[in-house]
Protein backbone atom coordinates (compact mmCIF):
# COMPACT_ATOMS: atom_id res chain seq x y z
CA MET A 1 138.03 94.40 108.31
CA LYS A 2 135.41 93.61 105.63
CA LYS A 3 133.00 92.11 108.25
CA ASP A 4 133.21 95.34 110.29
CA LYS A 5 132.48 97.41 107.19
CA LYS A 6 129.45 95.22 106.32
CA LYS A 7 128.19 95.51 109.91
CA VAL A 8 128.50 99.36 109.79
CA ILE A 9 126.72 99.52 106.46
CA GLY A 10 123.95 97.20 107.62
CA LEU A 11 123.47 99.13 110.89
CA THR A 12 123.31 102.40 108.91
CA ILE A 13 120.62 101.00 106.66
CA VAL A 14 118.59 99.73 109.61
CA LEU A 15 118.87 103.10 111.38
CA ALA A 16 117.86 105.00 108.24
CA ALA A 17 114.81 102.72 107.85
CA VAL A 18 113.83 103.26 111.46
CA ALA A 19 114.28 107.02 111.08
CA ILE A 20 112.07 107.05 107.96
CA GLY A 21 109.42 105.00 109.74
CA VAL A 22 109.41 107.34 112.77
CA TYR A 23 109.08 110.35 110.45
CA PHE A 24 106.09 108.99 108.58
CA TYR A 25 104.45 107.80 111.79
CA THR A 26 104.81 111.16 113.62
CA ARG A 27 104.50 113.71 110.79
CA PRO A 28 101.46 116.00 110.83
CA LYS A 29 98.53 114.86 108.80
CA GLU A 30 97.74 116.86 105.59
CA VAL A 31 94.23 117.78 106.85
CA THR A 32 93.86 119.17 110.30
CA ASN A 33 90.46 120.79 110.03
CA TYR A 34 87.80 118.11 109.58
CA ASP A 35 85.26 116.54 111.85
CA THR A 36 84.52 112.84 112.15
CA ARG A 37 80.86 113.15 111.21
CA PHE A 38 80.93 110.42 108.61
CA GLU A 39 83.46 107.89 109.81
CA SER A 40 83.22 104.20 109.25
CA GLU A 41 80.88 103.30 106.43
CA GLN A 42 78.97 106.63 106.38
CA GLU A 43 77.58 106.38 109.87
CA LYS A 44 75.02 108.95 111.05
CA PRO A 45 76.58 112.31 111.79
CA GLN A 46 77.77 113.04 115.31
CA SER A 47 77.65 116.52 116.73
CA GLU A 48 81.31 117.51 116.46
CA ALA A 49 82.57 120.90 115.25
CA SER A 50 85.86 121.18 113.50
CA GLN A 51 88.67 123.08 115.06
CA GLY A 52 91.49 125.07 113.56
CA GLY A 53 92.53 127.30 110.79
CA THR A 54 90.40 127.12 107.68
CA GLU A 55 88.79 130.30 106.61
CA GLU A 56 85.54 131.30 108.32
CA GLY A 57 85.41 128.01 110.29
CA ILE A 58 84.60 125.83 107.19
CA GLN A 59 83.59 122.38 108.48
CA ILE A 60 84.98 119.45 106.44
CA PRO A 61 83.44 115.99 106.97
CA GLY A 62 86.01 113.28 107.58
CA TYR A 63 85.78 109.62 106.60
CA LYS A 64 87.68 106.54 107.76
CA SER A 65 86.27 104.49 104.87
CA ILE A 66 83.74 104.77 102.10
CA VAL A 67 82.02 101.54 101.05
CA ILE A 68 80.60 100.96 97.58
CA PRO A 69 79.55 97.86 95.62
CA ALA A 70 81.88 96.30 93.03
CA GLY A 71 81.24 96.61 89.30
CA LYS A 72 78.84 99.55 89.54
CA LYS A 73 79.08 103.16 88.50
CA GLU A 74 75.83 104.20 90.23
CA VAL A 75 76.60 104.02 93.97
CA SER A 76 75.12 105.32 97.20
CA VAL A 77 77.47 107.53 99.30
CA GLU A 78 76.36 110.27 101.69
CA LEU A 79 78.15 113.50 100.79
CA THR A 80 77.23 116.60 102.67
CA ASN A 81 78.07 120.23 103.14
CA PRO A 82 77.34 121.09 106.77
CA GLU A 83 74.68 123.75 107.06
CA GLU A 84 77.01 125.87 109.28
CA ASN A 85 79.25 126.53 106.28
CA LYS A 86 78.97 129.72 104.23
CA VAL A 87 80.63 128.13 101.15
CA TYR A 88 79.68 125.75 98.42
CA PHE A 89 81.56 122.39 98.15
CA LYS A 90 82.73 120.56 95.13
CA ILE A 91 83.83 117.08 96.26
CA SER A 92 86.15 114.74 94.27
CA PHE A 93 87.34 111.20 94.89
CA TYR A 94 90.97 110.80 93.89
CA LEU A 95 92.89 107.49 93.69
CA PRO A 96 96.56 108.33 94.42
CA GLU A 97 97.86 104.92 93.35
CA THR A 98 96.61 105.34 89.75
CA ASP A 99 96.57 109.17 89.73
CA GLU A 100 92.94 109.36 88.65
CA THR A 101 89.83 111.20 89.77
CA ILE A 102 86.89 108.80 89.77
CA TYR A 103 84.21 111.27 90.90
CA THR A 104 83.58 114.97 90.95
CA SER A 105 80.30 116.40 92.38
CA LYS A 106 78.33 119.37 91.31
CA LEU A 107 78.36 122.33 93.66
CA ILE A 108 76.81 121.41 96.99
CA LYS A 109 75.04 124.13 98.97
CA PRO A 110 75.41 124.46 102.73
CA GLY A 111 73.05 121.99 104.38
CA GLN A 112 72.65 119.97 101.11
CA HIS A 113 73.29 116.21 100.91
CA LEU A 114 74.01 113.96 97.98
CA TYR A 115 73.23 110.29 98.38
CA ASP A 116 73.43 108.76 94.93
CA ILE A 117 76.49 109.49 92.75
CA THR A 118 77.88 108.22 89.47
CA LEU A 119 81.53 107.22 89.30
CA LYS A 120 83.60 107.69 86.20
CA LYS A 121 84.39 103.96 86.17
CA GLU A 122 83.34 100.67 87.80
CA MET A 123 85.61 99.56 90.60
CA GLU A 124 86.76 96.02 91.20
CA ALA A 125 86.40 94.47 94.68
CA GLY A 126 89.20 95.46 97.02
CA GLU A 127 90.50 98.25 99.21
CA TYR A 128 92.02 101.34 97.75
CA PRO A 129 93.62 104.41 99.26
CA LEU A 130 91.29 107.33 98.55
CA VAL A 131 91.69 111.10 98.88
CA VAL A 132 88.45 113.02 99.27
CA LYS A 133 89.17 116.48 97.96
CA TYR A 134 87.04 119.45 98.95
CA ALA A 135 87.16 122.55 96.73
CA THR A 136 85.14 125.39 98.18
CA CYS A 137 83.84 128.67 96.79
CA SER A 138 81.77 131.53 98.17
CA ALA A 139 77.99 131.07 98.24
CA ASP A 140 77.33 134.38 96.44
CA GLU A 141 76.97 134.87 92.69
CA LYS A 142 80.72 135.37 92.25
CA ARG A 143 81.64 131.87 93.37
CA THR A 144 85.02 133.13 94.60
CA PRO A 145 87.39 130.21 95.35
CA ARG A 146 88.09 129.65 99.09
CA ASN A 147 90.19 127.18 101.02
CA SER A 148 90.34 123.56 99.99
CA ALA A 149 90.99 120.41 101.97
CA GLU A 150 91.89 116.75 101.42
CA VAL A 151 90.87 113.83 103.61
CA ASN A 152 92.73 110.54 103.29
CA CYS A 153 90.61 107.41 103.82
CA THR A 154 90.00 103.93 102.38
CA LEU A 155 87.65 103.07 99.52
CA VAL A 156 86.20 99.62 100.25
CA VAL A 157 84.69 97.97 97.20
CA LYS A 158 82.59 94.89 97.97
């Protein structure tokens, strides 16, 4: 009787683990309105427009990875606000594993690019989960907050 009980408990645990795995694999991503303009080590932009439901068709650049050198605060990363947007961007880099923001940009106008940024701390070599957060506000004098977005990617520190 005890062997049967152990088998049932073991099977229940395995099925629960499979169900959890299926859920995380098939669940919708947090960000559905970004384009792939800057995927894979900040490649040159491709001409892809974002689709979907952010206000006024705000285009959000997406990244698969961002590569920076180890042990430096001053790094080169291309951050841009597509010129089609009618909002300012404020871009932040957030490390979910340590719950810290390692970079926050100034306001970026539509069509403006940032290439050289200063991180809040030097990063050690390795790969880290990174959330690129986009806060947006109107491009007028009022700077009214608009939609925001988050893009999950990998920070590669070499």
